[in-house]
Amino acid sequence: MARPASSLGPSLLWAAIAVGLSGCEFMPDREFAALEKAVTVNIADAKRNLSGSSIDFSFEMTNRGSTTAKACLGPSRSVSYKGAASSGTSSGFVNHPGCTREFALQPGGVMAWAETLEVPRLSQGRVELEVDIQLVNPRRCGRAGCMAFDVTSNRFAIP
């Protein structure tokens, strides 16, 4: 049986609104996208943890852009390492990232923090490390998680 045209109109309107609202999380956010070039992450220090399977890192994030960097640290990390005896990557990836620490970093500003990251197959001796830090857009989060990208740190050598 066909529906009357008068009841079909409100249904189509609600469907259009639902699609529009869910599509908002996929629309580009130029302010957040600009952070990929404006923000840098440096390993200020890194030491092997006494456990032998993790590293204690001190990070510094710098905003080299001309506007305030508003974002979050996401939960995903990836540590790439290269030594005389071994090389590889140790990573913790979250498929639907969320915000673990929100920040607003003024132009020229620096934010420092420390983390311990698991690197289970790290060989003894000198090792060069590089870390990917996930940045998340707190303004664009939905059921599928938040918009995010990774910033790669400088290379850092530990004895």
Protein backbone atom coordinates (compact mmCIF):
# COMPACT_ATOMS: atom_id res chain seq x y z
CA MET A 1 0.00 0.00 0.00
CA ALA A 2 1.38 3.44 -0.90
CA ARG A 3 1.98 6.02 1.81
CA PRO A 4 0.27 9.34 1.49
CA ALA A 5 2.62 12.08 0.28
CA SER A 6 1.96 14.20 3.36
CA SER A 7 3.54 11.66 5.78
CA LEU A 8 6.51 11.00 3.49
CA GLY A 9 7.76 14.61 3.66
CA PRO A 10 8.63 14.64 7.40
CA SER A 11 10.34 11.24 7.08
CA LEU A 12 12.56 12.50 4.27
CA LEU A 13 13.35 15.66 6.24
CA TRP A 14 14.46 13.64 9.29
CA ALA A 15 16.55 11.33 7.10
CA ALA A 16 18.28 14.33 5.49
CA ILE A 17 19.02 15.87 8.89
CA ALA A 18 20.44 12.57 10.21
CA VAL A 19 22.71 12.17 7.19
CA GLY A 20 23.83 15.80 7.45
CA LEU A 21 24.67 15.53 11.14
CA SER A 22 26.58 12.27 10.77
CA GLY A 23 28.49 13.68 7.77
CA CYS A 24 29.73 16.62 9.86
CA GLU A 25 32.41 14.45 11.44
CA PHE A 26 33.81 13.68 7.97
CA MET A 27 33.94 17.28 6.71
CA PRO A 28 37.42 18.80 6.63
CA ASP A 29 38.53 20.91 9.57
CA ARG A 30 41.17 23.22 8.10
CA GLU A 31 42.33 24.44 11.52
CA PHE A 32 43.06 20.90 12.68
CA ALA A 33 44.57 19.86 9.33
CA ALA A 34 47.02 22.81 9.54
CA LEU A 35 48.48 21.30 12.73
CA GLU A 36 50.21 18.56 10.70
CA LYS A 37 52.68 21.18 9.46
CA ALA A 38 52.63 23.49 12.51
CA VAL A 39 53.30 21.05 15.36
CA THR A 40 56.54 19.18 15.97
CA VAL A 41 57.32 16.54 18.59
CA ASN A 42 60.82 16.03 19.95
CA ILE A 43 62.16 13.35 22.22
CA ALA A 44 63.89 15.40 24.90
CA ASP A 45 65.13 12.31 26.75
CA ALA A 46 64.74 8.53 26.63
CA LYS A 47 66.04 5.91 29.04
CA ARG A 48 65.62 2.18 29.27
CA ASN A 49 63.24 1.27 32.06
CA LEU A 50 64.51 -1.12 34.73
CA SER A 51 62.00 -3.69 33.43
CA GLY A 52 64.08 -3.94 30.24
CA SER A 53 60.98 -4.10 28.04
CA SER A 54 60.01 -0.42 28.06
CA ILE A 55 61.47 3.05 27.66
CA ASP A 56 60.81 6.16 29.74
CA PHE A 57 60.38 9.09 27.34
CA SER A 58 60.27 12.84 27.88
CA PHE A 59 58.57 14.61 24.98
CA GLU A 60 58.26 18.25 23.95
CA MET A 61 55.67 19.47 21.48
CA THR A 62 56.23 22.86 19.83
CA ASN A 63 53.70 24.94 17.93
CA ARG A 64 55.58 26.53 15.02
CA GLY A 65 52.34 27.85 13.51
CA SER A 66 50.78 31.31 13.73
CA THR A 67 47.56 30.26 15.49
CA THR A 68 46.78 28.41 18.71
CA ALA A 69 47.02 24.63 18.27
CA LYS A 70 43.91 23.07 19.81
CA ALA A 71 43.91 19.28 19.87
CA CYS A 72 44.34 16.21 22.06
CA LEU A 73 46.97 13.59 22.52
CA GLY A 74 45.43 10.37 21.28
CA PRO A 75 46.11 6.90 22.69
CA SER A 76 48.03 5.40 19.72
CA ARG A 77 51.83 5.29 19.75
CA SER A 78 54.44 3.68 17.56
CA VAL A 79 58.13 3.34 18.46
CA SER A 80 60.56 2.57 15.63
CA TYR A 81 64.01 1.42 16.72
CA LYS A 82 67.25 0.49 15.04
CA GLY A 83 70.30 -0.98 16.75
CA ALA A 84 73.34 -3.02 15.78
CA ALA A 85 71.61 -6.31 16.65
CA SER A 86 67.96 -5.60 15.77
CA SER A 87 65.43 -3.18 14.40
CA GLY A 88 61.67 -2.99 14.33
CA THR A 89 58.55 -1.24 15.45
CA SER A 90 56.53 -1.57 18.61
CA SER A 91 53.09 -0.03 18.42
CA GLY A 92 49.88 0.38 20.29
CA PHE A 93 47.13 1.32 17.85
CA VAL A 94 43.59 2.33 18.77
CA ASN A 95 41.16 1.97 15.86
CA HIS A 96 38.60 4.49 17.17
CA PRO A 97 40.77 7.07 18.95
CA GLY A 98 39.58 9.38 21.64
CA CYS A 99 41.10 12.22 23.60
CA THR A 100 43.53 11.32 26.39
CA ARG A 101 44.87 14.84 27.07
CA GLU A 102 43.42 18.02 25.56
CA PHE A 103 45.70 21.01 25.01
CA ALA A 104 45.78 24.52 23.56
CA LEU A 105 49.31 25.49 22.55
CA GLN A 106 49.99 29.13 21.71
CA PRO A 107 52.20 30.02 18.71
CA GLY A 108 55.81 29.37 19.74
CA GLY A 109 54.61 27.51 22.83
CA VAL A 110 56.04 24.24 24.11
CA MET A 111 54.23 21.48 25.99
CA ALA A 112 56.27 18.84 27.84
CA TRP A 113 55.11 15.45 29.12
CA ALA A 114 56.49 12.03 30.00
CA GLU A 115 55.37 8.54 28.98
CA THR A 116 56.61 5.00 29.39
CA LEU A 117 56.20 2.96 26.20
CA GLU A 118 56.58 -0.79 25.76
CA VAL A 119 59.37 -1.91 23.43
CA PRO A 120 59.68 -5.63 24.22
CA ARG A 121 62.35 -6.76 21.72
CA LEU A 122 64.81 -3.91 22.23
CA SER A 123 68.41 -5.12 22.00
CA GLN A 124 71.19 -4.04 24.33
CA GLY A 125 73.65 -1.39 23.19
CA ARG A 126 73.12 1.81 21.28
CA VAL A 127 69.65 2.16 19.74
CA GLU A 128 68.13 4.95 17.64
CA LEU A 129 64.46 5.65 18.34
CA GLU A 130 61.68 7.54 16.62
CA VAL A 131 58.12 7.84 17.98
CA ASP A 132 54.82 8.52 16.23
CA ILE A 133 52.45 10.45 18.51
CA GLN A 134 48.75 10.50 17.63
CA LEU A 135 46.99 13.88 17.65
CA VAL A 136 43.20 13.89 17.79
CA ASN A 137 40.62 16.54 16.88
CA PRO A 138 38.32 16.92 19.91
CA ARG A 139 35.83 18.94 17.82
CA ARG A 140 35.24 16.11 15.34
CA CYS A 141 34.39 12.98 17.28
CA GLY A 142 31.57 10.57 16.56
CA ARG A 143 30.67 6.91 16.87
CA ALA A 144 33.64 5.98 14.70
CA GLY A 145 36.09 7.87 16.92
CA CYS A 146 37.81 11.16 16.29
CA MET A 147 39.69 12.58 13.31
CA ALA A 148 43.39 12.00 13.95
CA PHE A 149 46.88 11.99 12.46
CA ASP A 150 50.37 11.03 13.65
CA VAL A 151 53.31 13.35 14.20
CA THR A 152 56.74 11.71 13.96
CA SER A 153 59.39 12.76 16.47
CA ASN A 154 63.05 13.44 15.92
CA ARG A 155 65.51 10.52 16.04
CA PHE A 156 67.03 10.00 19.45
CA ALA A 157 69.86 7.66 20.42
CA ILE A 158 70.14 5.89 23.75
CA PRO A 159 73.30 4.05 24.82
